[in-house]
Amino acid sequence: MEPEYLYATRAIQESDWPKFYLRPEEKWPSSYADLLRKHREQFVVRNDMVFRKVKVNNTHQEVRFAMFSRRADIVQEIHKAFGHPGMTTMQDLVRKRWWWPNMKQDIQEWIAQCSQCQLAAGADRNNHHAPMHLTEIPPAFSRWHLDFIGELPTTTSGNRWILVAVDYTTNWPIARAVPDATSEAIAKFIHEEIVMRFGCPD
């Protein structure tokens, strides 16, 4: 059975399919070729970046496609910069600047996890329906947070990204330079840097 901590790697490749517009059509992956042809009129490539054609406030615009590795940072940065706005305002702010598949659902899930918004909402309630419970702290090196830093200038070794893992309990960091932000890079990183050194995470 596939480990649970690898489930999210599917989303990286599947929702990043517009990045293949950066390649010539003959180099598109066969598994995405039909999808890319179907939606190609909705995208444009400029300066090695992919843009999505959208309609915002009855105006046609081109907004940049966001890779999976950048999306959480984009939402967090906009959410903080504009004073933790509500869901409707956040969606409007993001879609004027960025686009990616299932963007609305992702924004809803990320904003729902905002600790400041949760505290503010709790302060407005008159009654607590259930007592609060402390979250159990997991054993060291059993749960990891992973994220990409980049896209950075290409190094002499061909690397453009830094893949970082931080242990949830000890804050122990691990970093590796990689050429691409892909599920394959994540799987190899987890196996070599985490599983082989600390054992399989929970």
N, C-alpha and C. Protein backbone atom coordinates (compact mmCIF):
# COMPACT_ATOMS: atom_id res chain seq x y z
N MET A 1 0.85 -1.20 0.00
CA MET A 1 0.00 0.00 0.00
C MET A 1 0.88 1.25 0.00
N GLU A 2 0.49 2.25 -0.78
CA GLU A 2 1.28 3.49 -0.88
C GLU A 2 1.21 4.28 0.43
N PRO A 3 2.35 4.75 0.95
CA PRO A 3 2.34 5.52 2.20
C PRO A 3 1.49 6.77 2.07
N GLU A 4 0.84 7.15 3.15
CA GLU A 4 -0.06 8.30 3.13
C GLU A 4 0.68 9.58 2.80
N TYR A 5 1.95 9.70 3.23
CA TYR A 5 2.66 10.96 3.03
C TYR A 5 3.03 11.18 1.57
N LEU A 6 2.78 10.19 0.69
CA LEU A 6 3.04 10.38 -0.73
C LEU A 6 1.79 10.75 -1.51
N TYR A 7 0.61 10.73 -0.87
CA TYR A 7 -0.63 11.01 -1.60
C TYR A 7 -0.58 12.36 -2.28
N ALA A 8 -0.06 13.39 -1.59
CA ALA A 8 -0.10 14.74 -2.13
C ALA A 8 0.77 14.91 -3.37
N THR A 9 1.70 14.00 -3.61
CA THR A 9 2.57 14.16 -4.77
C THR A 9 1.80 14.00 -6.07
N ARG A 10 0.68 13.28 -6.08
CA ARG A 10 -0.13 13.15 -7.29
C ARG A 10 -0.66 14.51 -7.71
N ALA A 11 -1.09 15.29 -6.71
CA ALA A 11 -1.69 16.58 -7.01
C ALA A 11 -0.70 17.52 -7.68
N ILE A 12 0.57 17.37 -7.33
CA ILE A 12 1.58 18.24 -7.92
C ILE A 12 1.64 18.05 -9.43
N GLN A 13 1.68 16.81 -9.86
CA GLN A 13 1.80 16.55 -11.29
C GLN A 13 0.46 16.79 -11.99
N GLU A 14 -0.63 16.32 -11.44
CA GLU A 14 -1.92 16.41 -12.11
C GLU A 14 -2.40 17.84 -12.26
N SER A 15 -2.25 18.66 -11.25
CA SER A 15 -2.75 20.03 -11.33
C SER A 15 -1.75 20.99 -11.96
N ASP A 16 -0.56 20.51 -12.26
CA ASP A 16 0.44 21.34 -12.93
C ASP A 16 0.47 21.13 -14.44
N TRP A 17 -0.55 20.47 -14.98
CA TRP A 17 -0.52 20.15 -16.42
C TRP A 17 -0.34 21.35 -17.34
N PRO A 18 -0.81 22.59 -17.01
CA PRO A 18 -0.58 23.70 -17.94
C PRO A 18 0.90 24.02 -18.17
N LYS A 19 1.78 23.57 -17.28
CA LYS A 19 3.21 23.86 -17.47
C LYS A 19 3.75 23.24 -18.75
N PHE A 20 3.06 22.21 -19.27
CA PHE A 20 3.54 21.55 -20.48
C PHE A 20 3.36 22.41 -21.72
N TYR A 21 2.61 23.51 -21.61
CA TYR A 21 2.54 24.44 -22.74
C TYR A 21 3.89 25.10 -23.01
N LEU A 22 4.80 25.01 -22.06
CA LEU A 22 6.15 25.55 -22.27
C LEU A 22 6.96 24.69 -23.23
N ARG A 23 6.48 23.48 -23.50
CA ARG A 23 7.18 22.57 -24.39
C ARG A 23 6.54 22.60 -25.79
N PRO A 24 7.28 22.22 -26.82
CA PRO A 24 6.66 22.02 -28.14
C PRO A 24 5.62 20.90 -28.06
N GLU A 25 4.61 20.97 -28.89
CA GLU A 25 3.52 20.00 -28.81
C GLU A 25 4.01 18.56 -28.95
N GLU A 26 5.02 18.35 -29.78
CA GLU A 26 5.50 16.98 -29.97
C GLU A 26 6.16 16.41 -28.71
N LYS A 27 6.46 17.26 -27.73
CA LYS A 27 7.07 16.80 -26.48
C LYS A 27 6.08 16.79 -25.32
N TRP A 28 4.80 16.98 -25.61
CA TRP A 28 3.79 16.88 -24.55
C TRP A 28 3.68 15.43 -24.09
N PRO A 29 3.52 15.17 -22.80
CA PRO A 29 3.29 13.80 -22.33
C PRO A 29 2.00 13.25 -22.94
N SER A 30 2.03 12.02 -23.37
CA SER A 30 0.86 11.44 -24.03
C SER A 30 -0.37 11.43 -23.13
N SER A 31 -0.15 11.29 -21.81
CA SER A 31 -1.28 11.24 -20.88
C SER A 31 -1.99 12.58 -20.73
N TYR A 32 -1.32 13.67 -21.16
CA TYR A 32 -1.92 15.00 -21.03
C TYR A 32 -2.19 15.66 -22.38
N ALA A 33 -1.82 15.01 -23.46
CA ALA A 33 -1.90 15.63 -24.78
C ALA A 33 -3.32 16.07 -25.14
N ASP A 34 -4.31 15.19 -24.91
CA ASP A 34 -5.70 15.54 -25.25
C ASP A 34 -6.19 16.72 -24.42
N LEU A 35 -5.87 16.73 -23.14
CA LEU A 35 -6.27 17.82 -22.27
C LEU A 35 -5.62 19.13 -22.70
N LEU A 36 -4.35 19.08 -23.05
CA LEU A 36 -3.63 20.28 -23.48
C LEU A 36 -4.18 20.83 -24.79
N ARG A 37 -4.51 19.95 -25.72
CA ARG A 37 -5.08 20.42 -26.99
C ARG A 37 -6.47 21.02 -26.77
N LYS A 38 -7.24 20.43 -25.89
CA LYS A 38 -8.59 20.90 -25.63
C LYS A 38 -8.61 22.32 -25.09
N HIS A 39 -7.64 22.66 -24.24
CA HIS A 39 -7.66 23.96 -23.55
C HIS A 39 -6.61 24.93 -24.08
N ARG A 40 -5.93 24.60 -25.15
CA ARG A 40 -4.79 25.41 -25.58
C ARG A 40 -5.19 26.85 -25.92
N GLU A 41 -6.42 27.08 -26.41
CA GLU A 41 -6.85 28.43 -26.76
C GLU A 41 -7.05 29.32 -25.52
N GLN A 42 -7.09 28.70 -24.34
CA GLN A 42 -7.30 29.46 -23.11
C GLN A 42 -5.98 29.89 -22.47
N PHE A 43 -4.87 29.53 -23.10
CA PHE A 43 -3.56 29.83 -22.51
C PHE A 43 -2.66 30.53 -23.52
N VAL A 44 -1.69 31.27 -22.99
CA VAL A 44 -0.69 31.93 -23.81
C VAL A 44 0.65 31.85 -23.08
N VAL A 45 1.73 31.70 -23.82
CA VAL A 45 3.08 31.61 -23.24
C VAL A 45 3.86 32.86 -23.61
N ARG A 46 4.41 33.52 -22.59
CA ARG A 46 5.24 34.70 -22.81
C ARG A 46 6.40 34.69 -21.82
N ASN A 47 7.60 34.95 -22.31
CA ASN A 47 8.78 35.02 -21.45
C ASN A 47 8.95 33.77 -20.58
N ASP A 48 8.72 32.61 -21.20
CA ASP A 48 8.86 31.32 -20.50
C ASP A 48 7.90 31.20 -19.32
N MET A 49 6.76 31.86 -19.39
CA MET A 49 5.72 31.74 -18.37
C MET A 49 4.39 31.46 -19.05
N VAL A 50 3.53 30.72 -18.35
CA VAL A 50 2.21 30.36 -18.87
C VAL A 50 1.17 31.28 -18.26
N PHE A 51 0.32 31.84 -19.12
CA PHE A 51 -0.76 32.72 -18.67
C PHE A 51 -2.10 32.13 -19.09
N ARG A 52 -3.09 32.31 -18.23
CA ARG A 52 -4.45 31.85 -18.51
C ARG A 52 -5.31 33.05 -18.89
N LYS A 53 -6.10 32.91 -19.95
CA LYS A 53 -7.02 33.96 -20.37
C LYS A 53 -8.28 33.87 -19.51
N VAL A 54 -8.62 34.93 -18.82
CA VAL A 54 -9.78 34.94 -17.92
C VAL A 54 -10.59 36.21 -18.15
N LYS A 55 -11.79 36.21 -17.58
CA LYS A 55 -12.66 37.39 -17.63
C LYS A 55 -12.91 37.86 -16.21
N VAL A 56 -12.43 39.05 -15.88
CA VAL A 56 -12.56 39.61 -14.54
C VAL A 56 -13.30 40.93 -14.65
N ASN A 57 -14.44 41.02 -13.95
CA ASN A 57 -15.25 42.24 -13.98
C ASN A 57 -15.55 42.67 -15.42
N ASN A 58 -15.97 41.68 -16.23
CA ASN A 58 -16.34 41.91 -17.64
C ASN A 58 -15.17 42.39 -18.49
N THR A 59 -13.96 42.19 -18.01
CA THR A 59 -12.77 42.58 -18.76
C THR A 59 -11.90 41.35 -19.01
N HIS A 60 -11.49 41.16 -20.24
CA HIS A 60 -10.63 40.03 -20.58
C HIS A 60 -9.19 40.34 -20.17
N GLN A 61 -8.60 39.41 -19.41
CA GLN A 61 -7.25 39.59 -18.91
C GLN A 61 -6.45 38.30 -19.08
N GLU A 62 -5.16 38.42 -18.89
CA GLU A 62 -4.28 37.26 -18.85
C GLU A 62 -3.60 37.24 -17.48
N VAL A 63 -3.81 36.17 -16.74
CA VAL A 63 -3.20 36.05 -15.41
C VAL A 63 -2.27 34.85 -15.41
N ARG A 64 -1.25 34.92 -14.59
CA ARG A 64 -0.21 33.90 -14.61
C ARG A 64 -0.67 32.60 -13.96
N PHE A 65 -0.32 31.49 -14.59
CA PHE A 65 -0.58 30.17 -14.03
C PHE A 65 0.39 29.92 -12.87
N ALA A 66 -0.13 29.45 -11.75
CA ALA A 66 0.69 29.19 -10.56
C ALA A 66 0.96 27.70 -10.41
N MET A 67 2.24 27.34 -10.31
CA MET A 67 2.61 25.96 -10.06
C MET A 67 2.17 25.55 -8.65
N PHE A 68 2.00 24.26 -8.46
CA PHE A 68 1.55 23.73 -7.17
C PHE A 68 2.43 24.21 -6.02
N SER A 69 3.73 24.23 -6.26
CA SER A 69 4.68 24.57 -5.19
C SER A 69 4.57 26.02 -4.74
N ARG A 70 3.92 26.88 -5.52
CA ARG A 70 3.80 28.30 -5.17
C ARG A 70 2.44 28.67 -4.59
N ARG A 71 1.45 27.83 -4.72
CA ARG A 71 0.07 28.24 -4.46
C ARG A 71 -0.20 28.61 -3.01
N ALA A 72 0.28 27.81 -2.08
CA ALA A 72 0.04 28.10 -0.66
C ALA A 72 0.67 29.44 -0.28
N ASP A 73 1.88 29.71 -0.79
CA ASP A 73 2.54 30.98 -0.49
C ASP A 73 1.76 32.15 -1.08
N ILE A 74 1.24 31.97 -2.29
CA ILE A 74 0.46 33.04 -2.93
C ILE A 74 -0.75 33.40 -2.10
N VAL A 75 -1.50 32.38 -1.69
CA VAL A 75 -2.71 32.62 -0.89
C VAL A 75 -2.35 33.27 0.44
N GLN A 76 -1.31 32.76 1.09
CA GLN A 76 -0.91 33.30 2.39
C GLN A 76 -0.46 34.75 2.28
N GLU A 77 0.34 35.06 1.24
CA GLU A 77 0.84 36.42 1.07
C GLU A 77 -0.30 37.41 0.82
N ILE A 78 -1.24 37.05 -0.04
CA ILE A 78 -2.36 37.93 -0.34
C ILE A 78 -3.28 38.05 0.88
N HIS A 79 -3.50 36.94 1.56
CA HIS A 79 -4.38 36.95 2.74
C HIS A 79 -3.84 37.88 3.82
N LYS A 80 -2.52 37.85 4.06
CA LYS A 80 -1.91 38.72 5.06
C LYS A 80 -1.87 40.17 4.59
N ALA A 81 -1.50 40.37 3.32
CA ALA A 81 -1.34 41.73 2.80
C ALA A 81 -2.64 42.53 2.84
N PHE A 82 -3.76 41.86 2.68
CA PHE A 82 -5.05 42.55 2.64
C PHE A 82 -5.84 42.39 3.94
N GLY A 83 -5.16 42.05 5.03
CA GLY A 83 -5.80 42.05 6.34
C GLY A 83 -6.76 40.91 6.60
N HIS A 84 -6.43 39.71 6.10
CA HIS A 84 -7.24 38.51 6.37
C HIS A 84 -8.69 38.69 5.92
N PRO A 85 -8.92 38.97 4.63
CA PRO A 85 -10.29 39.13 4.14
C PRO A 85 -11.04 37.80 4.12
N GLY A 86 -12.35 37.88 3.96
CA GLY A 86 -13.19 36.70 3.89
C GLY A 86 -13.02 35.95 2.58
N MET A 87 -13.76 34.83 2.46
CA MET A 87 -13.58 33.93 1.33
C MET A 87 -13.87 34.59 -0.01
N THR A 88 -14.99 35.30 -0.10
CA THR A 88 -15.38 35.91 -1.37
C THR A 88 -14.35 36.93 -1.83
N THR A 89 -13.91 37.79 -0.92
CA THR A 89 -12.91 38.80 -1.27
C THR A 89 -11.58 38.15 -1.63
N MET A 90 -11.19 37.10 -0.91
CA MET A 90 -9.93 36.43 -1.19
C MET A 90 -9.94 35.82 -2.59
N GLN A 91 -11.04 35.17 -2.95
CA GLN A 91 -11.12 34.56 -4.27
C GLN A 91 -11.01 35.62 -5.36
N ASP A 92 -11.64 36.76 -5.13
CA ASP A 92 -11.58 37.85 -6.11
C ASP A 92 -10.16 38.40 -6.23
N LEU A 93 -9.48 38.55 -5.10
CA LEU A 93 -8.11 39.08 -5.10
C LEU A 93 -7.15 38.14 -5.82
N VAL A 94 -7.29 36.86 -5.56
CA VAL A 94 -6.36 35.89 -6.16
C VAL A 94 -6.60 35.76 -7.66
N ARG A 95 -7.86 35.64 -8.06
CA ARG A 95 -8.14 35.38 -9.48
C ARG A 95 -7.82 36.57 -10.37
N LYS A 96 -7.64 37.75 -9.81
CA LYS A 96 -7.20 38.90 -10.60
C LYS A 96 -5.71 38.83 -10.92
N ARG A 97 -5.01 37.93 -10.23
CA ARG A 97 -3.55 37.87 -10.36
C ARG A 97 -3.04 36.51 -10.82
N TRP A 98 -3.76 35.44 -10.43
CA TRP A 98 -3.26 34.09 -10.65
C TRP A 98 -4.39 33.16 -11.09
N TRP A 99 -3.99 32.02 -11.64
CA TRP A 99 -4.96 30.96 -11.97
C TRP A 99 -4.28 29.60 -11.82
N TRP A 100 -5.06 28.61 -11.35
CA TRP A 100 -4.65 27.21 -11.38
C TRP A 100 -5.90 26.35 -11.26
N PRO A 101 -5.85 25.07 -11.64
CA PRO A 101 -7.02 24.20 -11.55
C PRO A 101 -7.52 24.07 -10.12
N ASN A 102 -8.85 24.05 -9.97
CA ASN A 102 -9.49 23.89 -8.65
C ASN A 102 -9.07 24.98 -7.67
N MET A 103 -8.85 26.18 -8.20
CA MET A 103 -8.35 27.28 -7.38
C MET A 103 -9.33 27.64 -6.25
N LYS A 104 -10.61 27.69 -6.55
CA LYS A 104 -11.61 28.08 -5.55
C LYS A 104 -11.58 27.15 -4.34
N GLN A 105 -11.54 25.84 -4.61
CA GLN A 105 -11.52 24.86 -3.52
C GLN A 105 -10.25 24.98 -2.69
N ASP A 106 -9.11 25.16 -3.37
CA ASP A 106 -7.84 25.29 -2.64
C ASP A 106 -7.85 26.51 -1.72
N ILE A 107 -8.36 27.63 -2.22
CA ILE A 107 -8.40 28.85 -1.40
C ILE A 107 -9.29 28.63 -0.18
N GLN A 108 -10.43 28.00 -0.37
CA GLN A 108 -11.33 27.73 0.75
C GLN A 108 -10.65 26.88 1.81
N GLU A 109 -9.93 25.85 1.38
CA GLU A 109 -9.28 24.95 2.34
C GLU A 109 -8.15 25.65 3.08
N TRP A 110 -7.36 26.43 2.37
CA TRP A 110 -6.22 27.11 3.01
C TRP A 110 -6.70 28.20 3.97
N ILE A 111 -7.71 28.96 3.57
CA ILE A 111 -8.21 30.03 4.44
C ILE A 111 -8.87 29.43 5.69
N ALA A 112 -9.50 28.28 5.53
CA ALA A 112 -10.14 27.63 6.67
C ALA A 112 -9.11 27.22 7.72
N GLN A 113 -7.84 27.09 7.32
CA GLN A 113 -6.78 26.70 8.24
C GLN A 113 -6.05 27.89 8.84
N CYS A 114 -6.44 29.11 8.49
CA CYS A 114 -5.77 30.31 9.00
C CYS A 114 -6.05 30.45 10.50
N SER A 115 -5.00 30.39 11.31
CA SER A 115 -5.18 30.42 12.77
C SER A 115 -5.74 31.76 13.24
N GLN A 116 -5.31 32.88 12.64
CA GLN A 116 -5.81 34.19 13.05
C GLN A 116 -7.29 34.34 12.75
N CYS A 117 -7.72 33.83 11.60
CA CYS A 117 -9.14 33.90 11.25
C CYS A 117 -9.97 33.03 12.20
N GLN A 118 -9.42 31.88 12.56
CA GLN A 118 -10.14 31.00 13.49
C GLN A 118 -10.28 31.65 14.86
N LEU A 119 -9.20 32.31 15.32
CA LEU A 119 -9.27 32.99 16.62
C LEU A 119 -10.26 34.14 16.59
N ALA A 120 -10.28 34.88 15.49
CA ALA A 120 -11.21 36.00 15.37
C ALA A 120 -12.65 35.51 15.34
N ALA A 121 -12.87 34.41 14.64
CA ALA A 121 -14.22 33.86 14.58
C ALA A 121 -14.65 33.34 15.95
N GLY A 122 -13.70 32.73 16.69
CA GLY A 122 -14.04 32.22 18.01
C GLY A 122 -14.37 33.32 18.99
N ALA A 123 -13.72 34.48 18.84
CA ALA A 123 -13.99 35.59 19.74
C ALA A 123 -15.39 36.15 19.57
N ASP A 124 -15.97 35.94 18.38
CA ASP A 124 -17.30 36.46 18.11
C ASP A 124 -18.41 35.56 18.62
N ARG A 125 -18.05 34.35 19.01
CA ARG A 125 -19.07 33.42 19.48
C ARG A 125 -19.34 33.65 20.97
N ASN A 126 -20.58 33.53 21.34
CA ASN A 126 -20.96 33.72 22.74
C ASN A 126 -20.80 32.45 23.55
N ASN A 127 -20.93 31.31 22.90
CA ASN A 127 -20.89 30.04 23.62
C ASN A 127 -19.93 29.09 22.94
N HIS A 128 -19.23 28.30 23.75
CA HIS A 128 -18.42 27.21 23.24
C HIS A 128 -19.25 25.93 23.40
N HIS A 129 -19.40 25.21 22.31
CA HIS A 129 -20.24 24.02 22.35
C HIS A 129 -19.50 22.80 22.88
N ALA A 130 -18.19 22.88 22.92
CA ALA A 130 -17.42 21.74 23.42
C ALA A 130 -16.11 22.25 23.98
N PRO A 131 -15.57 21.58 24.99
CA PRO A 131 -14.28 22.01 25.54
C PRO A 131 -13.16 21.82 24.53
N MET A 132 -12.15 22.68 24.63
CA MET A 132 -11.01 22.56 23.74
C MET A 132 -10.05 21.50 24.27
N HIS A 133 -9.39 20.81 23.35
CA HIS A 133 -8.46 19.75 23.73
C HIS A 133 -7.10 20.06 23.14
N LEU A 134 -6.05 19.75 23.89
CA LEU A 134 -4.70 19.93 23.40
C LEU A 134 -4.39 18.92 22.30
N THR A 135 -3.70 19.36 21.28
CA THR A 135 -3.31 18.46 20.20
C THR A 135 -2.13 17.61 20.65
N GLU A 136 -2.23 16.32 20.43
CA GLU A 136 -1.16 15.41 20.83
C GLU A 136 0.07 15.65 19.95
N ILE A 137 1.23 15.78 20.58
CA ILE A 137 2.47 16.00 19.85
C ILE A 137 3.00 14.66 19.35
N PRO A 138 3.24 14.52 18.05
CA PRO A 138 3.72 13.24 17.52
C PRO A 138 5.18 13.01 17.88
N PRO A 139 5.64 11.76 17.82
CA PRO A 139 7.06 11.47 18.08
C PRO A 139 7.95 12.20 17.08
N ALA A 140 9.18 12.45 17.50
CA ALA A 140 10.13 13.13 16.62
C ALA A 140 10.33 12.34 15.33
N PHE A 141 10.41 13.06 14.22
CA PHE A 141 10.68 12.51 12.89
C PHE A 141 9.58 11.58 12.38
N SER A 142 8.38 11.73 12.91
CA SER A 142 7.26 10.91 12.42
C SER A 142 6.31 11.71 11.53
N ARG A 143 6.45 13.03 11.53
CA ARG A 143 5.61 13.87 10.67
C ARG A 143 6.46 15.02 10.14
N TRP A 144 6.39 15.23 8.84
CA TRP A 144 7.23 16.24 8.19
C TRP A 144 6.40 17.19 7.36
N HIS A 145 6.83 18.46 7.32
CA HIS A 145 6.27 19.45 6.40
C HIS A 145 7.24 19.61 5.23
N LEU A 146 6.72 19.52 4.00
CA LEU A 146 7.56 19.66 2.81
C LEU A 146 7.11 20.85 1.98
N ASP A 147 8.08 21.55 1.39
CA ASP A 147 7.74 22.67 0.51
C ASP A 147 8.91 22.95 -0.43
N PHE A 148 8.57 23.57 -1.56
CA PHE A 148 9.60 23.98 -2.52
C PHE A 148 9.90 25.46 -2.35
N ILE A 149 11.16 25.83 -2.54
CA ILE A 149 11.57 27.23 -2.64
C ILE A 149 12.03 27.45 -4.08
N GLY A 150 11.45 28.43 -4.76
CA GLY A 150 11.81 28.68 -6.15
C GLY A 150 10.61 29.18 -6.94
N GLU A 151 10.74 29.38 -8.16
CA GLU A 151 11.81 28.94 -9.03
C GLU A 151 12.98 29.92 -8.94
N LEU A 152 14.22 29.38 -8.78
CA LEU A 152 15.42 30.18 -8.60
C LEU A 152 16.26 30.17 -9.88
N PRO A 153 17.24 31.06 -9.99
CA PRO A 153 18.14 31.01 -11.15
C PRO A 153 18.82 29.65 -11.24
N THR A 154 18.95 29.14 -12.44
CA THR A 154 19.53 27.82 -12.66
C THR A 154 21.01 27.80 -12.28
N THR A 155 21.39 26.79 -11.48
CA THR A 155 22.79 26.65 -11.05
C THR A 155 23.59 25.94 -12.14
N THR A 156 24.90 25.86 -11.94
CA THR A 156 25.76 25.15 -12.89
C THR A 156 25.43 23.67 -12.94
N SER A 157 24.78 23.16 -11.90
CA SER A 157 24.37 21.75 -11.86
C SER A 157 22.98 21.55 -12.44
N GLY A 158 22.34 22.63 -12.89
CA GLY A 158 21.02 22.52 -13.49
C GLY A 158 19.88 22.56 -12.51
N ASN A 159 20.13 22.92 -11.26
CA ASN A 159 19.08 22.96 -10.25
C ASN A 159 18.40 24.33 -10.22
N ARG A 160 17.05 24.32 -10.07
CA ARG A 160 16.28 25.57 -10.03
C ARG A 160 15.40 25.68 -8.80
N TRP A 161 15.34 24.61 -7.99
CA TRP A 161 14.45 24.58 -6.83
C TRP A 161 15.21 24.06 -5.62
N ILE A 162 14.74 24.42 -4.44
CA ILE A 162 15.22 23.83 -3.19
C ILE A 162 14.03 23.16 -2.52
N LEU A 163 14.14 21.86 -2.30
CA LEU A 163 13.10 21.10 -1.62
C LEU A 163 13.46 21.02 -0.14
N VAL A 164 12.56 21.49 0.71
CA VAL A 164 12.84 21.59 2.15
C VAL A 164 11.84 20.73 2.92
N ALA A 165 12.35 20.00 3.90
CA ALA A 165 11.51 19.24 4.83
C ALA A 165 11.83 19.69 6.25
N VAL A 166 10.80 19.88 7.07
CA VAL A 166 10.99 20.28 8.46
C VAL A 166 10.19 19.34 9.35
N ASP A 167 10.85 18.73 10.32
CA ASP A 167 10.16 17.84 11.24
C ASP A 167 9.18 18.62 12.11
N TYR A 168 7.96 18.10 12.22
CA TYR A 168 6.89 18.79 12.94
C TYR A 168 7.23 19.00 14.41
N THR A 169 7.87 18.04 15.05
CA THR A 169 8.10 18.09 16.49
C THR A 169 9.38 18.84 16.87
N THR A 170 10.47 18.57 16.16
CA THR A 170 11.77 19.14 16.55
C THR A 170 12.20 20.34 15.71
N ASN A 171 11.48 20.59 14.60
CA ASN A 171 11.86 21.64 13.64
C ASN A 171 13.20 21.36 12.96
N TRP A 172 13.61 20.09 12.93
CA TRP A 172 14.85 19.72 12.26
C TRP A 172 14.67 19.89 10.75
N PRO A 173 15.55 20.69 10.10
CA PRO A 173 15.38 20.95 8.67
C PRO A 173 16.28 20.07 7.79
N ILE A 174 15.78 19.76 6.62
CA ILE A 174 16.57 19.08 5.59
C ILE A 174 16.29 19.80 4.28
N ALA A 175 17.33 20.03 3.48
CA ALA A 175 17.13 20.73 2.21
C ALA A 175 17.96 20.05 1.12
N ARG A 176 17.43 20.09 -0.09
CA ARG A 176 18.15 19.54 -1.24
C ARG A 176 17.81 20.36 -2.47
N ALA A 177 18.83 20.68 -3.27
CA ALA A 177 18.62 21.38 -4.54
C ALA A 177 18.20 20.37 -5.60
N VAL A 178 17.16 20.70 -6.36
CA VAL A 178 16.64 19.81 -7.40
C VAL A 178 16.36 20.61 -8.67
N PRO A 179 16.40 19.96 -9.83
CA PRO A 179 16.18 20.70 -11.08
C PRO A 179 14.73 21.06 -11.34
N ASP A 180 13.79 20.21 -10.86
CA ASP A 180 12.37 20.44 -11.15
C ASP A 180 11.52 20.16 -9.92
N ALA A 181 10.39 20.87 -9.81
CA ALA A 181 9.44 20.65 -8.72
C ALA A 181 8.43 19.60 -9.15
N THR A 182 8.82 18.33 -9.04
CA THR A 182 8.00 17.23 -9.53
C THR A 182 7.74 16.21 -8.43
N SER A 183 6.75 15.35 -8.69
CA SER A 183 6.44 14.28 -7.74
C SER A 183 7.60 13.30 -7.63
N GLU A 184 8.31 13.10 -8.74
CA GLU A 184 9.47 12.19 -8.71
C GLU A 184 10.56 12.73 -7.79
N ALA A 185 10.81 14.03 -7.85
CA ALA A 185 11.82 14.64 -6.98
C ALA A 185 11.44 14.50 -5.51
N ILE A 186 10.14 14.68 -5.22
CA ILE A 186 9.66 14.56 -3.84
C ILE A 186 9.81 13.13 -3.34
N ALA A 187 9.39 12.16 -4.16
CA ALA A 187 9.45 10.75 -3.75
C ALA A 187 10.90 10.33 -3.48
N LYS A 188 11.82 10.74 -4.35
CA LYS A 188 13.24 10.40 -4.16
C LYS A 188 13.79 11.08 -2.91
N PHE A 189 13.42 12.33 -2.70
CA PHE A 189 13.87 13.08 -1.52
C PHE A 189 13.38 12.40 -0.23
N ILE A 190 12.11 12.05 -0.19
CA ILE A 190 11.54 11.41 1.01
C ILE A 190 12.25 10.09 1.29
N HIS A 191 12.46 9.30 0.24
CA HIS A 191 13.10 7.99 0.43
C HIS A 191 14.54 8.14 0.94
N GLU A 192 15.32 9.01 0.28
CA GLU A 192 16.74 9.09 0.59
C GLU A 192 17.04 9.91 1.84
N GLU A 193 16.31 11.01 2.05
CA GLU A 193 16.64 11.92 3.14
C GLU A 193 15.85 11.66 4.42
N ILE A 194 14.66 11.06 4.29
CA ILE A 194 13.83 10.86 5.48
C ILE A 194 13.72 9.38 5.84
N VAL A 195 13.21 8.56 4.91
CA VAL A 195 12.99 7.15 5.22
C VAL A 195 14.30 6.44 5.56
N MET A 196 15.34 6.66 4.75
CA MET A 196 16.60 5.96 4.97
C MET A 196 17.35 6.45 6.21
N ARG A 197 17.06 7.68 6.65
CA ARG A 197 17.78 8.24 7.80
C ARG A 197 16.97 8.17 9.10
N PHE A 198 15.66 8.32 9.00
CA PHE A 198 14.83 8.42 10.21
C PHE A 198 13.74 7.35 10.29
N GLY A 199 13.60 6.55 9.26
CA GLY A 199 12.53 5.58 9.23
C GLY A 199 11.30 6.13 8.54
N CYS A 200 10.35 5.26 8.30
CA CYS A 200 9.14 5.65 7.58
C CYS A 200 8.25 6.52 8.46
N PRO A 201 7.83 7.70 7.98
CA PRO A 201 6.92 8.56 8.78
C PRO A 201 5.58 7.88 9.01
N ASP A 202 4.84 8.36 10.00
CA ASP A 202 3.52 7.81 10.27
C ASP A 202 2.57 8.14 9.13
